[in-house]
Amino acid sequence: MRTMMYLLGLLLPPLAVFLSGSKTQTLINIILTMIGWLPGVIHAFFIIHQKRSVGKGSLA
């Protein structure tokens, strides 16, 4: 499932953030993706990783 989220983050960053994050993070990602695809992907990967880390009980 995690690999699928990263793939979605690569192809459609705002959708991946919407499924993993909050509305505010989704808006930030849409703006970053409009500036350039790469900033949106990096932000999406960060949000996906952060969500997965918190979900496992780790705060790092």
PDB file of N, CA and C in Angstrom:
ATOM      1  N   MET A   1       0.824  -1.200   0.000  1.00  0.00           N
ATOM      2  CA  MET A   1       0.000   0.000   0.000  1.00  0.00           C
ATOM      3  C   MET A   1       0.866   1.261   0.000  1.00  0.00           C
ATOM      4  N   ARG A   2       1.972   1.242   0.754  1.00  0.00           N
ATOM      5  CA  ARG A   2       2.843   2.411   0.824  1.00  0.00           C
ATOM      6  C   ARG A   2       3.451   2.713  -0.547  1.00  0.00           C
ATOM      7  N   THR A   3       3.860   1.670  -1.264  1.00  0.00           N
ATOM      8  CA  THR A   3       4.427   1.865  -2.594  1.00  0.00           C
ATOM      9  C   THR A   3       3.402   2.499  -3.524  1.00  0.00           C
ATOM     10  N   MET A   4       2.154   2.112  -3.391  1.00  0.00           N
ATOM     11  CA  MET A   4       1.103   2.676  -4.219  1.00  0.00           C
ATOM     12  C   MET A   4       0.914   4.172  -3.925  1.00  0.00           C
ATOM     13  N   MET A   5       1.034   4.561  -2.665  1.00  0.00           N
ATOM     14  CA  MET A   5       0.893   5.974  -2.315  1.00  0.00           C
ATOM     15  C   MET A   5       2.056   6.782  -2.883  1.00  0.00           C
ATOM     16  N   TYR A   6       3.271   6.237  -2.835  1.00  0.00           N
ATOM     17  CA  TYR A   6       4.412   6.943  -3.413  1.00  0.00           C
ATOM     18  C   TYR A   6       4.267   7.061  -4.929  1.00  0.00           C
ATOM     19  N   LEU A   7       3.751   6.032  -5.575  1.00  0.00           N
ATOM     20  CA  LEU A   7       3.521   6.092  -7.020  1.00  0.00           C
ATOM     21  C   LEU A   7       2.463   7.151  -7.343  1.00  0.00           C
ATOM     22  N   LEU A   8       1.416   7.191  -6.539  1.00  0.00           N
ATOM     23  CA  LEU A   8       0.391   8.212  -6.724  1.00  0.00           C
ATOM     24  C   LEU A   8       0.973   9.606  -6.487  1.00  0.00           C
ATOM     25  N   GLY A   9       1.871   9.712  -5.499  1.00  0.00           N
ATOM     26  CA  GLY A   9       2.540  10.984  -5.229  1.00  0.00           C
ATOM     27  C   GLY A   9       3.417  11.428  -6.379  1.00  0.00           C
ATOM     28  N   LEU A  10       3.947  10.476  -7.102  1.00  0.00           N
ATOM     29  CA  LEU A  10       4.766  10.788  -8.266  1.00  0.00           C
ATOM     30  C   LEU A  10       3.912  11.237  -9.449  1.00  0.00           C
ATOM     31  N   LEU A  11       2.777  10.593  -9.640  1.00  0.00           N
ATOM     32  CA  LEU A  11       1.924  10.892 -10.790  1.00  0.00           C
ATOM     33  C   LEU A  11       0.956  12.046 -10.541  1.00  0.00           C
ATOM     34  N   LEU A  12       0.298  12.030  -9.392  1.00  0.00           N
ATOM     35  CA  LEU A  12      -0.695  13.056  -9.042  1.00  0.00           C
ATOM     36  C   LEU A  12      -0.456  13.533  -7.605  1.00  0.00           C
ATOM     37  N   PRO A  13       0.526  14.395  -7.404  1.00  0.00           N
ATOM     38  CA  PRO A  13       0.877  14.806  -6.036  1.00  0.00           C
ATOM     39  C   PRO A  13      -0.284  15.352  -5.202  1.00  0.00           C
ATOM     40  N   PRO A  14      -1.143  16.239  -5.728  1.00  0.00           N
ATOM     41  CA  PRO A  14      -2.224  16.758  -4.871  1.00  0.00           C
ATOM     42  C   PRO A  14      -3.199  15.675  -4.390  1.00  0.00           C
ATOM     43  N   LEU A  15      -3.472  14.700  -5.233  1.00  0.00           N
ATOM     44  CA  LEU A  15      -4.371  13.623  -4.832  1.00  0.00           C
ATOM     45  C   LEU A  15      -3.751  12.772  -3.724  1.00  0.00           C
ATOM     46  N   ALA A  16      -2.474  12.493  -3.838  1.00  0.00           N
ATOM     47  CA  ALA A  16      -1.789  11.711  -2.803  1.00  0.00           C
ATOM     48  C   ALA A  16      -1.790  12.447  -1.469  1.00  0.00           C
ATOM     49  N   VAL A  17      -1.584  13.759  -1.511  1.00  0.00           N
ATOM     50  CA  VAL A  17      -1.594  14.551  -0.273  1.00  0.00           C
ATOM     51  C   VAL A  17      -3.007  14.618   0.285  1.00  0.00           C
ATOM     52  N   PHE A  18      -3.996  14.738  -0.570  1.00  0.00           N
ATOM     53  CA  PHE A  18      -5.386  14.760  -0.121  1.00  0.00           C
ATOM     54  C   PHE A  18      -5.736  13.475   0.622  1.00  0.00           C
ATOM     55  N   LEU A  19      -5.270  12.342   0.114  1.00  0.00           N
ATOM     56  CA  LEU A  19      -5.558  11.059   0.750  1.00  0.00           C
ATOM     57  C   LEU A  19      -4.736  10.838   2.020  1.00  0.00           C
ATOM     58  N   SER A  20      -3.610  11.526   2.142  1.00  0.00           N
ATOM     59  CA  SER A  20      -2.718  11.316   3.290  1.00  0.00           C
ATOM     60  C   SER A  20      -2.707  12.459   4.294  1.00  0.00           C
ATOM     61  N   GLY A  21      -3.064  13.655   3.863  1.00  0.00           N
ATOM     62  CA  GLY A  21      -2.895  14.816   4.720  1.00  0.00           C
ATOM     63  C   GLY A  21      -4.177  15.561   4.990  1.00  0.00           C
ATOM     64  N   SER A  22      -4.005  16.826   5.324  1.00  0.00           N
ATOM     65  CA  SER A  22      -5.144  17.677   5.651  1.00  0.00           C
ATOM     66  C   SER A  22      -5.488  18.569   4.460  1.00  0.00           C
ATOM     67  N   LYS A  23      -6.549  19.332   4.609  1.00  0.00           N
ATOM     68  CA  LYS A  23      -6.975  20.243   3.546  1.00  0.00           C
ATOM     69  C   LYS A  23      -5.931  21.331   3.314  1.00  0.00           C
ATOM     70  N   THR A  24      -5.315  21.801   4.389  1.00  0.00           N
ATOM     71  CA  THR A  24      -4.297  22.836   4.267  1.00  0.00           C
ATOM     72  C   THR A  24      -3.091  22.317   3.498  1.00  0.00           C
ATOM     73  N   GLN A  25      -2.646  21.109   3.828  1.00  0.00           N
ATOM     74  CA  GLN A  25      -1.516  20.509   3.121  1.00  0.00           C
ATOM     75  C   GLN A  25      -1.847  20.284   1.649  1.00  0.00           C
ATOM     76  N   THR A  26      -3.081  19.925   1.367  1.00  0.00           N
ATOM     77  CA  THR A  26      -3.499  19.727  -0.021  1.00  0.00           C
ATOM     78  C   THR A  26      -3.430  21.042  -0.792  1.00  0.00           C
ATOM     79  N   LEU A  27      -3.887  22.126  -0.185  1.00  0.00           N
ATOM     80  CA  LEU A  27      -3.826  23.432  -0.832  1.00  0.00           C
ATOM     81  C   LEU A  27      -2.376  23.845  -1.081  1.00  0.00           C
ATOM     82  N   ILE A  28      -1.518  23.638  -0.100  1.00  0.00           N
ATOM     83  CA  ILE A  28      -0.093  23.944  -0.266  1.00  0.00           C
ATOM     84  C   ILE A  28       0.489  23.129  -1.415  1.00  0.00           C
ATOM     85  N   ASN A  29       0.112  21.854  -1.489  1.00  0.00           N
ATOM     86  CA  ASN A  29       0.647  21.001  -2.546  1.00  0.00           C
ATOM     87  C   ASN A  29       0.145  21.426  -3.916  1.00  0.00           C
ATOM     88  N   ILE A  30      -1.094  21.847  -4.009  1.00  0.00           N
ATOM     89  CA  ILE A  30      -1.615  22.327  -5.296  1.00  0.00           C
ATOM     90  C   ILE A  30      -0.821  23.551  -5.759  1.00  0.00           C
ATOM     91  N   ILE A  31      -0.542  24.457  -4.847  1.00  0.00           N
ATOM     92  CA  ILE A  31       0.238  25.646  -5.191  1.00  0.00           C
ATOM     93  C   ILE A  31       1.647  25.255  -5.626  1.00  0.00           C
ATOM     94  N   LEU A  32       2.284  24.358  -4.868  1.00  0.00           N
ATOM     95  CA  LEU A  32       3.634  23.911  -5.231  1.00  0.00           C
ATOM     96  C   LEU A  32       3.648  23.195  -6.575  1.00  0.00           C
ATOM     97  N   THR A  33       2.634  22.396  -6.852  1.00  0.00           N
ATOM     98  CA  THR A  33       2.565  21.682  -8.121  1.00  0.00           C
ATOM     99  C   THR A  33       2.341  22.648  -9.273  1.00  0.00           C
ATOM    100  N   MET A  34       1.608  23.723  -9.038  1.00  0.00           N
ATOM    101  CA  MET A  34       1.410  24.731 -10.089  1.00  0.00           C
ATOM    102  C   MET A  34       2.706  25.493 -10.368  1.00  0.00           C
ATOM    103  N   ILE A  35       3.520  25.696  -9.331  1.00  0.00           N
ATOM    104  CA  ILE A  35       4.822  26.345  -9.516  1.00  0.00           C
ATOM    105  C   ILE A  35       5.727  25.446 -10.350  1.00  0.00           C
ATOM    106  N   GLY A  36       5.692  24.163 -10.022  1.00  0.00           N
ATOM    107  CA  GLY A  36       6.501  23.191 -10.746  1.00  0.00           C
ATOM    108  C   GLY A  36       6.172  21.802 -10.253  1.00  0.00           C
ATOM    109  N   TRP A  37       6.280  20.836 -11.130  1.00  0.00           N
ATOM    110  CA  TRP A  37       5.918  19.467 -10.779  1.00  0.00           C
ATOM    111  C   TRP A  37       6.811  18.918  -9.663  1.00  0.00           C
ATOM    112  N   LEU A  38       8.108  19.171  -9.741  1.00  0.00           N
ATOM    113  CA  LEU A  38       9.043  18.608  -8.772  1.00  0.00           C
ATOM    114  C   LEU A  38       8.789  19.088  -7.335  1.00  0.00           C
ATOM    115  N   PRO A  39       8.564  20.384  -7.083  1.00  0.00           N
ATOM    116  CA  PRO A  39       8.247  20.790  -5.709  1.00  0.00           C
ATOM    117  C   PRO A  39       6.988  20.106  -5.162  1.00  0.00           C
ATOM    118  N   GLY A  40       6.007  19.897  -6.013  1.00  0.00           N
ATOM    119  CA  GLY A  40       4.792  19.205  -5.586  1.00  0.00           C
ATOM    120  C   GLY A  40       5.061  17.752  -5.219  1.00  0.00           C
ATOM    121  N   VAL A  41       5.901  17.096  -6.002  1.00  0.00           N
ATOM    122  CA  VAL A  41       6.247  15.692  -5.730  1.00  0.00           C
ATOM    123  C   VAL A  41       7.046  15.580  -4.437  1.00  0.00           C
ATOM    124  N   ILE A  42       8.005  16.465  -4.242  1.00  0.00           N
ATOM    125  CA  ILE A  42       8.807  16.430  -3.014  1.00  0.00           C
ATOM    126  C   ILE A  42       7.920  16.643  -1.794  1.00  0.00           C
ATOM    127  N   HIS A  43       7.022  17.596  -1.868  1.00  0.00           N
ATOM    128  CA  HIS A  43       6.104  17.850  -0.757  1.00  0.00           C
ATOM    129  C   HIS A  43       5.193  16.647  -0.518  1.00  0.00           C
ATOM    130  N   ALA A  44       4.701  16.048  -1.588  1.00  0.00           N
ATOM    131  CA  ALA A  44       3.834  14.873  -1.455  1.00  0.00           C
ATOM    132  C   ALA A  44       4.581  13.727  -0.777  1.00  0.00           C
ATOM    133  N   PHE A  45       5.830  13.480  -1.201  1.00  0.00           N
ATOM    134  CA  PHE A  45       6.624  12.412  -0.582  1.00  0.00           C
ATOM    135  C   PHE A  45       6.830  12.688   0.901  1.00  0.00           C
ATOM    136  N   PHE A  46       7.087  13.949   1.240  1.00  0.00           N
ATOM    137  CA  PHE A  46       7.277  14.319   2.643  1.00  0.00           C
ATOM    138  C   PHE A  46       6.015  14.050   3.458  1.00  0.00           C
ATOM    139  N   ILE A  47       4.865  14.431   2.940  1.00  0.00           N
ATOM    140  CA  ILE A  47       3.602  14.231   3.653  1.00  0.00           C
ATOM    141  C   ILE A  47       3.288  12.744   3.778  1.00  0.00           C
ATOM    142  N   ILE A  48       3.491  11.976   2.710  1.00  0.00           N
ATOM    143  CA  ILE A  48       3.241  10.530   2.759  1.00  0.00           C
ATOM    144  C   ILE A  48       4.153   9.874   3.784  1.00  0.00           C
ATOM    145  N   HIS A  49       5.434  10.242   3.771  1.00  0.00           N
ATOM    146  CA  HIS A  49       6.385   9.659   4.721  1.00  0.00           C
ATOM    147  C   HIS A  49       6.028  10.042   6.154  1.00  0.00           C
ATOM    148  N   GLN A  50       5.655  11.299   6.347  1.00  0.00           N
ATOM    149  CA  GLN A  50       5.282  11.782   7.682  1.00  0.00           C
ATOM    150  C   GLN A  50       4.044  11.031   8.193  1.00  0.00           C
ATOM    151  N   LYS A  51       3.062  10.840   7.334  1.00  0.00           N
ATOM    152  CA  LYS A  51       1.846  10.129   7.718  1.00  0.00           C
ATOM    153  C   LYS A  51       2.166   8.684   8.082  1.00  0.00           C
ATOM    154  N   ARG A  52       3.014   8.042   7.307  1.00  0.00           N
ATOM    155  CA  ARG A  52       3.375   6.637   7.572  1.00  0.00           C
ATOM    156  C   ARG A  52       4.180   6.515   8.864  1.00  0.00           C
ATOM    157  N   SER A  53       5.065   7.473   9.131  1.00  0.00           N
ATOM    158  CA  SER A  53       5.879   7.425  10.352  1.00  0.00           C
ATOM    159  C   SER A  53       5.020   7.614  11.590  1.00  0.00           C
ATOM    160  N   VAL A  54       4.094   8.544  11.540  1.00  0.00           N
ATOM    161  CA  VAL A  54       3.203   8.793  12.671  1.00  0.00           C
ATOM    162  C   VAL A  54       2.256   7.614  12.866  1.00  0.00           C
ATOM    163  N   GLY A  55       1.826   7.022  11.775  1.00  0.00           N
ATOM    164  CA  GLY A  55       0.944   5.864  11.846  1.00  0.00           C
ATOM    165  C   GLY A  55       1.584   4.650  12.515  1.00  0.00           C
ATOM    166  N   LYS A  56       2.901   4.561  12.436  1.00  0.00           N
ATOM    167  CA  LYS A  56       3.632   3.454  13.060  1.00  0.00           C
ATOM    168  C   LYS A  56       4.008   3.753  14.498  1.00  0.00           C
ATOM    169  N   GLY A  57       3.696   4.947  14.985  1.00  0.00           N
ATOM    170  CA  GLY A  57       3.974   5.288  16.369  1.00  0.00           C
ATOM    171  C   GLY A  57       5.279   6.015  16.560  1.00  0.00           C
ATOM    172  N   SER A  58       6.004   6.303  15.493  1.00  0.00           N
ATOM    173  CA  SER A  58       7.261   7.026  15.585  1.00  0.00           C
ATOM    174  C   SER A  58       7.018   8.511  15.367  1.00  0.00           C
ATOM    175  N   LEU A  59       7.684   9.344  16.127  1.00  0.00           N
ATOM    176  CA  LEU A  59       7.516  10.770  15.963  1.00  0.00           C
ATOM    177  C   LEU A  59       8.595  11.376  15.072  1.00  0.00           C
ATOM    178  N   ALA A  60       9.552  10.600  14.651  1.00  0.00           N
ATOM    179  CA  ALA A  60      10.663  11.105  13.822  1.00  0.00           C
ATOM    180  C   ALA A  60      10.298  11.142  12.375  1.00  0.00           C
TER     181      ALA A  60
END
